[in-house]
Amino acid sequence: MIKEYFIAIILGAILGFGATGAFFALNKNNAKPNATTISPIPTDTQMSTQVSVTPISEKKSPINIISPENDSVISMSKTNIKGNTKPNSLIIISTPSKTFSDKSNSNGVFNISIELDSGINPIKISSIDQDDNQDETEITLTYSTTKI
């Protein structure tokens, strides 16, 4: 009886260590290389060659939210989203529980009244212009009645 327990413990340990070793070996092979690279200090001859670096700019959304600011805390459940986009565009504002829509005027300005849920509200604002091109942006508003 003791002999069977001893054999079971040894076989379990061998299988456990084998599975653990295989897991770590596979993760080591699938690990992404670190993006940080160390470059050597340039010598005088290398410094004479100048390299121009142009930063890649992020694509800016044609929807500009004027108010409220992103990550604002709002003390009333109803608020207005004011902004501008392309003229005569359909504006769709989606909150976690409701969707609101209206059109921007001939200058691209819009002012849409929305209702917020209690707590954090991720708000998606979409603009569809007359050529059916769609642009989107997101803001987060928090509705709280707590006095700060």
N, C-alpha and C. Protein backbone atom coordinates (compact mmCIF):
# COMPACT_ATOMS: atom_id res chain seq x y z
N MET A 1 0.81 -1.19 0.00
CA MET A 1 0.00 0.00 0.00
C MET A 1 0.86 1.26 0.00
N ILE A 2 1.89 1.31 0.82
CA ILE A 2 2.78 2.46 0.86
C ILE A 2 3.55 2.57 -0.46
N LYS A 3 3.87 1.44 -1.03
CA LYS A 3 4.60 1.42 -2.30
C LYS A 3 3.78 2.10 -3.40
N GLU A 4 2.47 1.85 -3.48
CA GLU A 4 1.61 2.45 -4.49
C GLU A 4 1.51 3.97 -4.31
N TYR A 5 1.41 4.43 -3.06
CA TYR A 5 1.37 5.86 -2.79
C TYR A 5 2.67 6.53 -3.22
N PHE A 6 3.78 5.90 -2.91
CA PHE A 6 5.08 6.44 -3.26
C PHE A 6 5.24 6.54 -4.78
N ILE A 7 4.80 5.52 -5.52
CA ILE A 7 4.88 5.54 -6.99
C ILE A 7 3.94 6.62 -7.55
N ALA A 8 2.74 6.75 -6.98
CA ALA A 8 1.78 7.77 -7.44
C ALA A 8 2.33 9.18 -7.20
N ILE A 9 2.97 9.40 -6.06
CA ILE A 9 3.54 10.72 -5.78
C ILE A 9 4.67 11.03 -6.75
N ILE A 10 5.54 10.09 -7.01
CA ILE A 10 6.67 10.31 -7.92
C ILE A 10 6.17 10.56 -9.34
N LEU A 11 5.21 9.75 -9.82
CA LEU A 11 4.67 9.96 -11.17
C LEU A 11 3.95 11.31 -11.26
N GLY A 12 3.21 11.69 -10.24
CA GLY A 12 2.54 13.00 -10.24
C GLY A 12 3.53 14.14 -10.27
N ALA A 13 4.62 14.02 -9.52
CA ALA A 13 5.64 15.07 -9.53
C ALA A 13 6.31 15.17 -10.89
N ILE A 14 6.62 14.02 -11.50
CA ILE A 14 7.27 14.04 -12.81
C ILE A 14 6.34 14.67 -13.84
N LEU A 15 5.06 14.30 -13.86
CA LEU A 15 4.11 14.89 -14.80
C LEU A 15 3.91 16.39 -14.53
N GLY A 16 3.83 16.76 -13.26
CA GLY A 16 3.65 18.18 -12.91
C GLY A 16 4.83 19.03 -13.33
N PHE A 17 6.05 18.56 -13.04
CA PHE A 17 7.24 19.31 -13.45
C PHE A 17 7.37 19.35 -14.96
N GLY A 18 6.99 18.26 -15.63
CA GLY A 18 7.05 18.21 -17.09
C GLY A 18 6.09 19.21 -17.73
N ALA A 19 4.86 19.26 -17.21
CA ALA A 19 3.87 20.20 -17.74
C ALA A 19 4.29 21.64 -17.47
N THR A 20 4.81 21.90 -16.27
CA THR A 20 5.27 23.26 -15.94
C THR A 20 6.44 23.68 -16.82
N GLY A 21 7.37 22.77 -17.03
CA GLY A 21 8.52 23.08 -17.89
C GLY A 21 8.09 23.35 -19.32
N ALA A 22 7.15 22.55 -19.84
CA ALA A 22 6.65 22.76 -21.20
C ALA A 22 5.94 24.12 -21.30
N PHE A 23 5.17 24.48 -20.28
CA PHE A 23 4.47 25.76 -20.28
C PHE A 23 5.46 26.93 -20.36
N PHE A 24 6.48 26.90 -19.51
CA PHE A 24 7.47 27.99 -19.51
C PHE A 24 8.28 28.01 -20.80
N ALA A 25 8.58 26.85 -21.37
CA ALA A 25 9.33 26.80 -22.62
C ALA A 25 8.51 27.41 -23.76
N LEU A 26 7.23 27.10 -23.82
CA LEU A 26 6.38 27.68 -24.87
C LEU A 26 6.21 29.18 -24.69
N ASN A 27 6.03 29.64 -23.46
CA ASN A 27 5.90 31.08 -23.23
C ASN A 27 7.18 31.82 -23.54
N LYS A 28 8.31 31.22 -23.30
CA LYS A 28 9.59 31.87 -23.60
C LYS A 28 9.74 32.04 -25.10
N ASN A 29 9.31 31.06 -25.89
CA ASN A 29 9.41 31.14 -27.35
C ASN A 29 8.41 32.12 -27.93
N ASN A 30 7.25 32.30 -27.30
CA ASN A 30 6.21 33.20 -27.81
C ASN A 30 6.30 34.60 -27.24
N ALA A 31 7.25 34.84 -26.36
CA ALA A 31 7.37 36.17 -25.73
C ALA A 31 7.77 37.19 -26.77
N LYS A 32 7.15 38.36 -26.67
CA LYS A 32 7.47 39.44 -27.60
C LYS A 32 8.80 40.06 -27.19
N PRO A 33 9.61 40.42 -28.16
CA PRO A 33 10.87 41.07 -27.80
C PRO A 33 10.61 42.47 -27.24
N ASN A 34 11.46 42.90 -26.37
CA ASN A 34 11.34 44.21 -25.76
C ASN A 34 11.56 45.28 -26.82
N ALA A 35 10.70 46.30 -26.85
CA ALA A 35 10.78 47.33 -27.86
C ALA A 35 11.93 48.30 -27.61
N THR A 36 12.48 48.31 -26.42
CA THR A 36 13.57 49.21 -26.10
C THR A 36 14.87 48.65 -26.65
N THR A 37 15.55 49.45 -27.42
CA THR A 37 16.84 49.03 -27.95
C THR A 37 17.89 50.04 -27.51
N ILE A 38 19.08 49.56 -27.32
CA ILE A 38 20.18 50.42 -26.92
C ILE A 38 21.05 50.62 -28.14
N SER A 39 21.27 51.87 -28.48
CA SER A 39 22.10 52.15 -29.65
C SER A 39 23.45 52.68 -29.16
N PRO A 40 24.50 52.35 -29.89
CA PRO A 40 25.81 52.81 -29.49
C PRO A 40 25.95 54.32 -29.66
N ILE A 41 26.89 54.90 -28.95
CA ILE A 41 27.15 56.33 -29.05
C ILE A 41 27.82 56.57 -30.40
N PRO A 42 27.29 57.52 -31.18
CA PRO A 42 27.87 57.75 -32.50
C PRO A 42 29.28 58.33 -32.41
N THR A 43 30.09 57.95 -33.35
CA THR A 43 31.44 58.48 -33.44
C THR A 43 31.42 59.78 -34.21
N ASP A 44 32.55 60.46 -34.29
CA ASP A 44 32.63 61.74 -35.01
C ASP A 44 32.24 61.59 -36.47
N THR A 45 32.61 60.50 -37.11
CA THR A 45 32.27 60.33 -38.53
C THR A 45 30.78 60.07 -38.69
N GLN A 46 30.17 59.40 -37.73
CA GLN A 46 28.74 59.14 -37.82
C GLN A 46 27.94 60.40 -37.52
N MET A 47 28.46 61.30 -36.71
CA MET A 47 27.73 62.51 -36.34
C MET A 47 27.67 63.49 -37.50
N SER A 48 28.55 63.36 -38.47
CA SER A 48 28.53 64.30 -39.58
C SER A 48 27.33 64.07 -40.48
N THR A 49 26.76 62.89 -40.45
CA THR A 49 25.57 62.60 -41.24
C THR A 49 24.36 62.94 -40.40
N GLN A 50 23.54 63.84 -40.91
CA GLN A 50 22.37 64.25 -40.16
C GLN A 50 21.15 63.50 -40.66
N VAL A 51 20.34 63.09 -39.72
CA VAL A 51 19.11 62.38 -40.05
C VAL A 51 17.96 63.23 -39.57
N SER A 52 17.00 63.45 -40.44
CA SER A 52 15.84 64.24 -40.08
C SER A 52 14.71 63.29 -39.70
N VAL A 53 14.10 63.54 -38.55
CA VAL A 53 13.00 62.72 -38.07
C VAL A 53 11.74 63.56 -38.07
N THR A 54 10.73 63.05 -38.76
CA THR A 54 9.45 63.74 -38.80
C THR A 54 8.46 62.97 -37.95
N PRO A 55 7.91 63.60 -36.92
CA PRO A 55 6.96 62.87 -36.07
C PRO A 55 5.69 62.52 -36.84
N ILE A 56 5.15 61.37 -36.52
CA ILE A 56 3.90 60.96 -37.14
C ILE A 56 2.78 61.58 -36.32
N SER A 57 1.97 62.39 -36.98
CA SER A 57 0.89 63.04 -36.26
C SER A 57 -0.32 62.12 -36.21
N GLU A 58 -1.05 62.22 -35.11
CA GLU A 58 -2.25 61.42 -34.97
C GLU A 58 -3.34 62.02 -35.84
N LYS A 59 -4.20 61.15 -36.37
CA LYS A 59 -5.31 61.62 -37.18
C LYS A 59 -6.29 62.33 -36.27
N LYS A 60 -6.54 63.58 -36.56
CA LYS A 60 -7.45 64.36 -35.74
C LYS A 60 -8.86 64.22 -36.29
N SER A 61 -9.79 63.97 -35.39
CA SER A 61 -11.18 63.81 -35.78
C SER A 61 -11.74 65.17 -36.19
N PRO A 62 -12.55 65.19 -37.26
CA PRO A 62 -13.16 66.46 -37.65
C PRO A 62 -14.29 66.89 -36.71
N ILE A 63 -14.56 66.09 -35.67
CA ILE A 63 -15.55 66.48 -34.67
C ILE A 63 -14.80 67.14 -33.52
N ASN A 64 -15.16 68.38 -33.23
CA ASN A 64 -14.52 69.13 -32.15
C ASN A 64 -15.58 69.39 -31.07
N ILE A 65 -15.39 68.81 -29.89
CA ILE A 65 -16.34 69.01 -28.78
C ILE A 65 -15.89 70.24 -27.99
N ILE A 66 -16.76 71.23 -27.93
CA ILE A 66 -16.46 72.48 -27.23
C ILE A 66 -16.78 72.35 -25.74
N SER A 67 -17.96 71.79 -25.44
CA SER A 67 -18.31 71.56 -24.04
C SER A 67 -19.30 70.41 -23.95
N PRO A 68 -19.29 69.71 -22.88
CA PRO A 68 -18.38 69.75 -21.74
C PRO A 68 -17.06 69.08 -22.09
N GLU A 69 -16.04 69.35 -21.26
CA GLU A 69 -14.73 68.75 -21.49
C GLU A 69 -14.75 67.27 -21.17
N ASN A 70 -13.88 66.52 -21.83
CA ASN A 70 -13.75 65.10 -21.57
C ASN A 70 -13.39 64.88 -20.10
N ASP A 71 -13.92 63.84 -19.51
CA ASP A 71 -13.69 63.45 -18.11
C ASP A 71 -14.24 64.47 -17.11
N SER A 72 -15.26 65.22 -17.52
CA SER A 72 -15.89 66.18 -16.61
C SER A 72 -16.85 65.46 -15.67
N VAL A 73 -17.06 66.06 -14.49
CA VAL A 73 -18.07 65.59 -13.55
C VAL A 73 -19.24 66.56 -13.64
N ILE A 74 -20.41 66.04 -13.97
CA ILE A 74 -21.61 66.84 -14.19
C ILE A 74 -22.55 66.62 -13.01
N SER A 75 -23.17 67.71 -12.51
CA SER A 75 -24.04 67.58 -11.33
C SER A 75 -25.52 67.49 -11.69
N MET A 76 -25.87 67.59 -12.98
CA MET A 76 -27.26 67.46 -13.41
C MET A 76 -27.34 66.37 -14.46
N SER A 77 -28.46 65.64 -14.47
CA SER A 77 -28.58 64.52 -15.40
C SER A 77 -28.71 64.99 -16.85
N LYS A 78 -29.23 66.19 -17.06
CA LYS A 78 -29.35 66.73 -18.42
C LYS A 78 -28.22 67.71 -18.68
N THR A 79 -27.58 67.55 -19.83
CA THR A 79 -26.50 68.45 -20.23
C THR A 79 -26.53 68.62 -21.74
N ASN A 80 -25.86 69.63 -22.23
CA ASN A 80 -25.77 69.88 -23.67
C ASN A 80 -24.38 69.53 -24.17
N ILE A 81 -24.33 68.84 -25.29
CA ILE A 81 -23.07 68.57 -25.97
C ILE A 81 -22.97 69.60 -27.08
N LYS A 82 -21.96 70.48 -26.98
CA LYS A 82 -21.76 71.53 -27.98
C LYS A 82 -20.47 71.26 -28.72
N GLY A 83 -20.51 71.46 -30.02
CA GLY A 83 -19.31 71.24 -30.80
C GLY A 83 -19.48 71.69 -32.23
N ASN A 84 -18.48 71.34 -33.04
CA ASN A 84 -18.59 71.64 -34.46
C ASN A 84 -17.97 70.52 -35.28
N THR A 85 -18.46 70.41 -36.49
CA THR A 85 -18.03 69.38 -37.43
C THR A 85 -18.30 69.90 -38.84
N LYS A 86 -18.41 69.02 -39.78
CA LYS A 86 -18.71 69.43 -41.15
C LYS A 86 -20.14 69.98 -41.23
N PRO A 87 -20.37 70.96 -42.08
CA PRO A 87 -21.71 71.57 -42.17
C PRO A 87 -22.79 70.57 -42.57
N ASN A 88 -23.99 70.78 -42.04
CA ASN A 88 -25.19 70.01 -42.36
C ASN A 88 -25.00 68.50 -42.19
N SER A 89 -24.30 68.11 -41.15
CA SER A 89 -24.07 66.69 -40.87
C SER A 89 -25.08 66.18 -39.86
N LEU A 90 -25.41 64.90 -39.96
CA LEU A 90 -26.25 64.25 -38.97
C LEU A 90 -25.36 63.90 -37.79
N ILE A 91 -25.73 64.33 -36.60
CA ILE A 91 -24.96 64.06 -35.38
C ILE A 91 -25.73 63.03 -34.56
N ILE A 92 -25.05 61.93 -34.20
CA ILE A 92 -25.65 60.88 -33.38
C ILE A 92 -24.81 60.75 -32.11
N ILE A 93 -25.47 60.93 -30.96
CA ILE A 93 -24.79 60.82 -29.68
C ILE A 93 -25.35 59.61 -28.94
N SER A 94 -24.49 58.67 -28.61
CA SER A 94 -24.91 57.44 -27.93
C SER A 94 -24.36 57.42 -26.51
N THR A 95 -25.26 57.32 -25.54
CA THR A 95 -24.90 57.14 -24.15
C THR A 95 -25.13 55.66 -23.83
N PRO A 96 -24.77 55.19 -22.64
CA PRO A 96 -25.00 53.77 -22.33
C PRO A 96 -26.46 53.33 -22.43
N SER A 97 -27.41 54.24 -22.23
CA SER A 97 -28.81 53.83 -22.23
C SER A 97 -29.67 54.43 -23.33
N LYS A 98 -29.22 55.54 -23.95
CA LYS A 98 -30.07 56.20 -24.94
C LYS A 98 -29.22 56.71 -26.11
N THR A 99 -29.92 57.03 -27.19
CA THR A 99 -29.28 57.61 -28.37
C THR A 99 -30.03 58.90 -28.72
N PHE A 100 -29.26 59.95 -29.01
CA PHE A 100 -29.82 61.25 -29.35
C PHE A 100 -29.28 61.65 -30.71
N SER A 101 -30.08 62.39 -31.50
CA SER A 101 -29.59 62.81 -32.82
C SER A 101 -30.14 64.19 -33.17
N ASP A 102 -29.40 64.87 -34.03
CA ASP A 102 -29.78 66.19 -34.54
C ASP A 102 -28.84 66.49 -35.70
N LYS A 103 -28.97 67.67 -36.29
CA LYS A 103 -28.10 68.05 -37.40
C LYS A 103 -27.26 69.25 -37.01
N SER A 104 -26.07 69.33 -37.60
CA SER A 104 -25.27 70.54 -37.42
C SER A 104 -25.81 71.60 -38.39
N ASN A 105 -25.57 72.86 -38.06
CA ASN A 105 -26.07 73.92 -38.93
C ASN A 105 -25.15 74.11 -40.15
N SER A 106 -25.40 75.15 -40.92
CA SER A 106 -24.62 75.38 -42.15
C SER A 106 -23.17 75.74 -41.86
N ASN A 107 -22.86 76.10 -40.60
CA ASN A 107 -21.47 76.37 -40.20
C ASN A 107 -20.83 75.15 -39.54
N GLY A 108 -21.60 74.07 -39.35
CA GLY A 108 -21.09 72.86 -38.73
C GLY A 108 -21.24 72.84 -37.22
N VAL A 109 -21.91 73.82 -36.64
CA VAL A 109 -22.07 73.91 -35.19
C VAL A 109 -23.29 73.09 -34.77
N PHE A 110 -23.16 72.35 -33.65
CA PHE A 110 -24.29 71.61 -33.10
C PHE A 110 -24.35 71.80 -31.60
N ASN A 111 -25.56 71.66 -31.06
CA ASN A 111 -25.82 71.77 -29.62
C ASN A 111 -26.97 70.82 -29.32
N ILE A 112 -26.65 69.66 -28.73
CA ILE A 112 -27.65 68.62 -28.52
C ILE A 112 -27.79 68.35 -27.03
N SER A 113 -29.03 68.38 -26.54
CA SER A 113 -29.31 68.10 -25.14
C SER A 113 -29.39 66.59 -24.97
N ILE A 114 -28.66 66.07 -23.96
CA ILE A 114 -28.68 64.63 -23.67
C ILE A 114 -28.97 64.41 -22.20
N GLU A 115 -29.30 63.18 -21.85
CA GLU A 115 -29.55 62.81 -20.46
C GLU A 115 -28.54 61.74 -20.06
N LEU A 116 -27.88 61.97 -18.92
CA LEU A 116 -26.84 61.05 -18.44
C LEU A 116 -27.40 60.09 -17.41
N ASP A 117 -26.80 58.90 -17.34
CA ASP A 117 -27.10 57.94 -16.28
C ASP A 117 -26.22 58.28 -15.09
N SER A 118 -26.60 57.83 -13.92
CA SER A 118 -25.79 58.04 -12.74
C SER A 118 -24.47 57.29 -12.88
N GLY A 119 -23.37 57.95 -12.55
CA GLY A 119 -22.05 57.32 -12.64
C GLY A 119 -21.31 57.72 -13.90
N ILE A 120 -20.43 56.84 -14.35
CA ILE A 120 -19.57 57.11 -15.52
C ILE A 120 -20.36 56.83 -16.79
N ASN A 121 -20.30 57.77 -17.74
CA ASN A 121 -21.01 57.65 -19.00
C ASN A 121 -20.04 57.78 -20.18
N PRO A 122 -19.64 56.66 -20.81
CA PRO A 122 -18.87 56.77 -22.04
C PRO A 122 -19.82 57.22 -23.15
N ILE A 123 -19.48 58.30 -23.83
CA ILE A 123 -20.37 58.88 -24.84
C ILE A 123 -19.68 58.85 -26.20
N LYS A 124 -20.35 58.26 -27.17
CA LYS A 124 -19.82 58.17 -28.52
C LYS A 124 -20.58 59.18 -29.39
N ILE A 125 -19.82 60.03 -30.08
CA ILE A 125 -20.41 61.07 -30.92
C ILE A 125 -20.01 60.77 -32.36
N SER A 126 -21.01 60.57 -33.21
CA SER A 126 -20.77 60.26 -34.62
C SER A 126 -21.33 61.39 -35.48
N SER A 127 -20.63 61.65 -36.57
CA SER A 127 -21.06 62.68 -37.52
C SER A 127 -21.08 62.05 -38.90
N ILE A 128 -22.22 62.16 -39.58
CA ILE A 128 -22.34 61.63 -40.94
C ILE A 128 -22.63 62.82 -41.85
N ASP A 129 -21.68 63.12 -42.76
CA ASP A 129 -21.85 64.29 -43.61
C ASP A 129 -22.74 63.96 -44.82
N GLN A 130 -22.92 64.94 -45.70
CA GLN A 130 -23.82 64.79 -46.84
C GLN A 130 -23.31 63.77 -47.85
N ASP A 131 -22.00 63.45 -47.82
CA ASP A 131 -21.44 62.45 -48.72
C ASP A 131 -21.39 61.07 -48.08
N ASP A 132 -22.08 60.90 -46.95
CA ASP A 132 -22.13 59.65 -46.18
C ASP A 132 -20.78 59.25 -45.60
N ASN A 133 -19.90 60.21 -45.35
CA ASN A 133 -18.64 59.94 -44.64
C ASN A 133 -18.92 60.05 -43.16
N GLN A 134 -18.43 59.06 -42.40
CA GLN A 134 -18.70 59.04 -40.96
C GLN A 134 -17.43 59.29 -40.18
N ASP A 135 -17.52 60.17 -39.20
CA ASP A 135 -16.43 60.44 -38.27
C ASP A 135 -16.96 60.20 -36.86
N GLU A 136 -16.05 59.76 -35.97
CA GLU A 136 -16.46 59.47 -34.60
C GLU A 136 -15.45 60.00 -33.60
N THR A 137 -15.94 60.31 -32.43
CA THR A 137 -15.09 60.66 -31.30
C THR A 137 -15.80 60.20 -30.04
N GLU A 138 -15.05 60.08 -28.97
CA GLU A 138 -15.63 59.64 -27.70
C GLU A 138 -15.17 60.54 -26.57
N ILE A 139 -16.08 60.76 -25.63
CA ILE A 139 -15.76 61.46 -24.40
C ILE A 139 -16.38 60.68 -23.24
N THR A 140 -15.91 60.96 -22.06
CA THR A 140 -16.47 60.33 -20.87
C THR A 140 -16.92 61.42 -19.91
N LEU A 141 -18.18 61.31 -19.50
CA LEU A 141 -18.74 62.25 -18.52
C LEU A 141 -19.23 61.46 -17.32
N THR A 142 -19.07 62.03 -16.14
CA THR A 142 -19.54 61.39 -14.93
C THR A 142 -20.64 62.24 -14.32
N TYR A 143 -21.82 61.60 -14.12
CA TYR A 143 -22.94 62.29 -13.48
C TYR A 143 -22.95 61.90 -12.01
N SER A 144 -22.79 62.93 -11.16
CA SER A 144 -22.76 62.71 -9.72
C SER A 144 -23.43 63.88 -9.02
N THR A 145 -24.25 63.57 -8.03
CA THR A 145 -24.88 64.64 -7.25
C THR A 145 -24.11 64.92 -5.96
N THR A 146 -23.00 64.24 -5.77
CA THR A 146 -22.19 64.45 -4.58
C THR A 146 -21.52 65.82 -4.64
N LYS A 147 -21.56 66.54 -3.53
CA LYS A 147 -20.91 67.85 -3.45
C LYS A 147 -19.42 67.66 -3.27
N ILE A 148 -18.63 68.31 -4.11
CA ILE A 148 -17.17 68.20 -4.03
C ILE A 148 -16.60 69.47 -3.45
